[in-house]
Amino acid sequence: MKQTVKLFAQAKDLAGSESIEIQTEEQTTVARFRELLSEQYPSLQAIVPHLLIAIDMNYVSDDFLINPESEIACFPPVSGG
């Protein structure tokens, strides 16, 4: 199935868009989502391991199961002083 993913900051810049479509399985964990994201969008490969993933506006861990109706957003970690 296809899911829309919102991208922010460097992820948006690397993908060249503020949202992308990703093909996922019916039952996908965040860890598997990361793998699929790297495969389907090679321009994001370098930052995928560092992305913060939010599902329905809540940050989640890699073992979290993504529902087909979920809103997915990816945020690069923030640094600064």
N, C-alpha and C. Protein backbone atom coordinates (compact mmCIF):
# COMPACT_ATOMS: atom_id res chain seq x y z
N MET A 1 0.84 -1.18 0.00
CA MET A 1 0.00 0.00 0.00
C MET A 1 0.88 1.23 0.00
N LYS A 2 0.34 2.33 -0.48
CA LYS A 2 1.08 3.59 -0.49
C LYS A 2 0.67 4.44 0.70
N GLN A 3 1.68 5.06 1.32
CA GLN A 3 1.42 5.98 2.41
C GLN A 3 2.15 7.29 2.13
N THR A 4 1.52 8.38 2.51
CA THR A 4 2.13 9.69 2.36
C THR A 4 2.97 9.98 3.59
N VAL A 5 4.16 10.51 3.37
CA VAL A 5 5.10 10.82 4.44
C VAL A 5 5.45 12.30 4.34
N LYS A 6 5.27 13.02 5.43
CA LYS A 6 5.65 14.44 5.48
C LYS A 6 7.12 14.54 5.88
N LEU A 7 7.85 15.40 5.19
CA LEU A 7 9.27 15.59 5.46
C LEU A 7 9.54 17.02 5.91
N PHE A 8 10.53 17.18 6.79
CA PHE A 8 10.87 18.49 7.32
C PHE A 8 12.37 18.71 7.26
N ALA A 9 12.78 19.98 7.20
CA ALA A 9 14.18 20.42 7.26
C ALA A 9 15.03 19.71 6.20
N GLN A 10 16.14 19.13 6.60
CA GLN A 10 17.09 18.51 5.66
C GLN A 10 16.45 17.37 4.87
N ALA A 11 15.55 16.62 5.48
CA ALA A 11 14.88 15.52 4.76
C ALA A 11 14.08 16.08 3.58
N LYS A 12 13.39 17.17 3.80
CA LYS A 12 12.63 17.83 2.73
C LYS A 12 13.57 18.31 1.64
N ASP A 13 14.68 18.91 2.02
CA ASP A 13 15.65 19.41 1.05
C ASP A 13 16.24 18.28 0.20
N LEU A 14 16.62 17.18 0.85
CA LEU A 14 17.23 16.06 0.13
C LEU A 14 16.24 15.38 -0.83
N ALA A 15 14.98 15.28 -0.41
CA ALA A 15 13.97 14.64 -1.26
C ALA A 15 13.44 15.59 -2.33
N GLY A 16 13.62 16.90 -2.11
CA GLY A 16 13.13 17.88 -3.06
C GLY A 16 11.62 18.09 -2.99
N SER A 17 11.03 17.70 -1.86
CA SER A 17 9.58 17.83 -1.69
C SER A 17 9.25 17.78 -0.20
N GLU A 18 8.13 18.41 0.18
CA GLU A 18 7.73 18.35 1.59
C GLU A 18 6.91 17.12 1.92
N SER A 19 6.54 16.34 0.90
CA SER A 19 5.89 15.05 1.16
C SER A 19 6.24 14.09 0.04
N ILE A 20 6.27 12.80 0.40
CA ILE A 20 6.57 11.74 -0.56
C ILE A 20 5.58 10.61 -0.36
N GLU A 21 5.50 9.72 -1.32
CA GLU A 21 4.70 8.51 -1.21
C GLU A 21 5.65 7.34 -1.06
N ILE A 22 5.36 6.44 -0.15
CA ILE A 22 6.20 5.26 0.04
C ILE A 22 5.31 4.02 0.01
N GLN A 23 5.81 3.00 -0.66
CA GLN A 23 5.10 1.73 -0.74
C GLN A 23 5.48 0.89 0.47
N THR A 24 4.49 0.51 1.28
CA THR A 24 4.73 -0.29 2.49
C THR A 24 3.89 -1.55 2.46
N GLU A 25 4.21 -2.46 3.38
CA GLU A 25 3.38 -3.65 3.58
C GLU A 25 2.21 -3.29 4.49
N GLU A 26 1.25 -4.19 4.58
CA GLU A 26 0.06 -3.97 5.42
C GLU A 26 0.46 -3.72 6.88
N GLN A 27 1.34 -4.54 7.41
CA GLN A 27 1.82 -4.40 8.78
C GLN A 27 3.30 -4.02 8.72
N THR A 28 3.62 -2.77 8.98
CA THR A 28 4.99 -2.28 8.87
C THR A 28 5.44 -1.67 10.19
N THR A 29 6.59 -2.11 10.67
CA THR A 29 7.18 -1.46 11.84
C THR A 29 7.95 -0.23 11.38
N VAL A 30 8.28 0.62 12.32
CA VAL A 30 9.09 1.80 11.98
C VAL A 30 10.46 1.36 11.47
N ALA A 31 11.03 0.30 12.02
CA ALA A 31 12.32 -0.20 11.54
C ALA A 31 12.23 -0.60 10.07
N ARG A 32 11.17 -1.32 9.69
CA ARG A 32 10.97 -1.72 8.30
C ARG A 32 10.69 -0.49 7.44
N PHE A 33 9.95 0.46 7.97
CA PHE A 33 9.69 1.71 7.26
C PHE A 33 11.00 2.41 6.91
N ARG A 34 11.95 2.43 7.84
CA ARG A 34 13.26 3.03 7.57
C ARG A 34 13.96 2.33 6.40
N GLU A 35 13.90 0.99 6.39
CA GLU A 35 14.51 0.23 5.29
C GLU A 35 13.86 0.59 3.96
N LEU A 36 12.54 0.62 3.94
CA LEU A 36 11.81 0.94 2.72
C LEU A 36 12.10 2.36 2.26
N LEU A 37 12.20 3.28 3.20
CA LEU A 37 12.49 4.67 2.88
C LEU A 37 13.86 4.78 2.20
N SER A 38 14.85 4.07 2.74
CA SER A 38 16.20 4.09 2.14
C SER A 38 16.20 3.48 0.75
N GLU A 39 15.46 2.38 0.57
CA GLU A 39 15.39 1.71 -0.73
C GLU A 39 14.69 2.57 -1.78
N GLN A 40 13.58 3.17 -1.40
CA GLN A 40 12.75 3.89 -2.36
C GLN A 40 13.19 5.33 -2.59
N TYR A 41 13.94 5.89 -1.65
CA TYR A 41 14.44 7.27 -1.78
C TYR A 41 15.92 7.31 -1.41
N PRO A 42 16.78 6.87 -2.35
CA PRO A 42 18.22 6.81 -2.07
C PRO A 42 18.82 8.16 -1.63
N SER A 43 18.22 9.26 -2.02
CA SER A 43 18.74 10.57 -1.61
C SER A 43 18.64 10.77 -0.09
N LEU A 44 17.82 9.99 0.58
CA LEU A 44 17.64 10.11 2.03
C LEU A 44 18.47 9.11 2.84
N GLN A 45 19.14 8.17 2.15
CA GLN A 45 19.84 7.08 2.84
C GLN A 45 20.76 7.54 3.96
N ALA A 46 21.51 8.59 3.74
CA ALA A 46 22.48 9.04 4.75
C ALA A 46 21.84 9.49 6.05
N ILE A 47 20.63 10.02 5.98
CA ILE A 47 20.01 10.55 7.21
C ILE A 47 18.94 9.64 7.80
N VAL A 48 18.50 8.61 7.06
CA VAL A 48 17.42 7.74 7.55
C VAL A 48 17.70 7.17 8.94
N PRO A 49 18.91 6.69 9.23
CA PRO A 49 19.14 6.14 10.58
C PRO A 49 18.98 7.17 11.70
N HIS A 50 19.08 8.45 11.37
CA HIS A 50 19.04 9.51 12.37
C HIS A 50 17.69 10.22 12.46
N LEU A 51 16.78 9.90 11.56
CA LEU A 51 15.48 10.58 11.54
C LEU A 51 14.67 10.28 12.78
N LEU A 52 13.97 11.28 13.26
CA LEU A 52 12.95 11.09 14.29
C LEU A 52 11.65 10.84 13.53
N ILE A 53 10.97 9.76 13.87
CA ILE A 53 9.74 9.38 13.18
C ILE A 53 8.56 9.67 14.10
N ALA A 54 7.60 10.41 13.58
CA ALA A 54 6.37 10.70 14.33
C ALA A 54 5.20 10.02 13.61
N ILE A 55 4.41 9.32 14.38
CA ILE A 55 3.19 8.69 13.86
C ILE A 55 2.02 9.34 14.58
N ASP A 56 1.13 9.91 13.79
CA ASP A 56 -0.04 10.61 14.35
C ASP A 56 0.38 11.62 15.43
N MET A 57 1.44 12.38 15.11
CA MET A 57 1.93 13.48 15.94
C MET A 57 2.62 13.06 17.24
N ASN A 58 3.06 11.79 17.32
CA ASN A 58 3.79 11.31 18.49
C ASN A 58 5.06 10.62 18.02
N TYR A 59 6.20 10.96 18.61
CA TYR A 59 7.44 10.26 18.28
C TYR A 59 7.35 8.82 18.74
N VAL A 60 7.86 7.91 17.91
CA VAL A 60 7.74 6.48 18.20
C VAL A 60 9.10 5.79 18.03
N SER A 61 9.23 4.61 18.63
CA SER A 61 10.45 3.81 18.52
C SER A 61 10.36 2.89 17.29
N ASP A 62 11.48 2.24 16.98
CA ASP A 62 11.56 1.41 15.78
C ASP A 62 10.67 0.17 15.83
N ASP A 63 10.24 -0.26 17.00
CA ASP A 63 9.37 -1.44 17.07
C ASP A 63 7.88 -1.09 16.97
N PHE A 64 7.56 0.18 16.86
CA PHE A 64 6.17 0.62 16.75
C PHE A 64 5.57 0.14 15.43
N LEU A 65 4.34 -0.36 15.47
CA LEU A 65 3.63 -0.85 14.28
C LEU A 65 2.80 0.28 13.68
N ILE A 66 3.05 0.57 12.40
CA ILE A 66 2.36 1.66 11.70
C ILE A 66 1.05 1.15 11.12
N ASN A 67 -0.04 1.82 11.42
CA ASN A 67 -1.34 1.49 10.84
C ASN A 67 -1.46 2.10 9.45
N PRO A 68 -2.24 1.48 8.56
CA PRO A 68 -2.40 2.02 7.21
C PRO A 68 -2.94 3.45 7.17
N GLU A 69 -3.72 3.84 8.18
CA GLU A 69 -4.33 5.18 8.20
C GLU A 69 -3.46 6.21 8.90
N SER A 70 -2.32 5.80 9.42
CA SER A 70 -1.48 6.69 10.22
C SER A 70 -0.88 7.82 9.40
N GLU A 71 -0.72 8.96 10.05
CA GLU A 71 0.03 10.08 9.48
C GLU A 71 1.48 9.91 9.90
N ILE A 72 2.38 9.93 8.91
CA ILE A 72 3.81 9.71 9.16
C ILE A 72 4.56 11.00 8.86
N ALA A 73 5.46 11.38 9.77
CA ALA A 73 6.31 12.55 9.55
C ALA A 73 7.74 12.21 9.96
N CYS A 74 8.70 12.75 9.22
CA CYS A 74 10.13 12.51 9.48
C CYS A 74 10.84 13.82 9.75
N PHE A 75 11.57 13.84 10.86
CA PHE A 75 12.30 15.04 11.27
C PHE A 75 13.77 14.69 11.50
N PRO A 76 14.69 15.39 10.86
CA PRO A 76 16.09 15.21 11.21
C PRO A 76 16.32 15.72 12.64
N PRO A 77 17.28 15.14 13.35
CA PRO A 77 17.55 15.66 14.70
C PRO A 77 18.00 17.12 14.64
N VAL A 78 17.68 17.85 15.67
CA VAL A 78 18.00 19.27 15.73
C VAL A 78 19.27 19.43 16.56
N SER A 79 20.16 20.28 16.08
CA SER A 79 21.35 20.60 16.86
C SER A 79 21.56 22.10 16.84
N GLY A 80 22.35 22.55 17.73
CA GLY A 80 22.61 23.98 17.78
C GLY A 80 23.01 24.42 19.17
N GLY A 81 23.23 25.68 19.32
CA GLY A 81 23.70 26.15 20.59
C GLY A 81 22.98 27.29 21.10
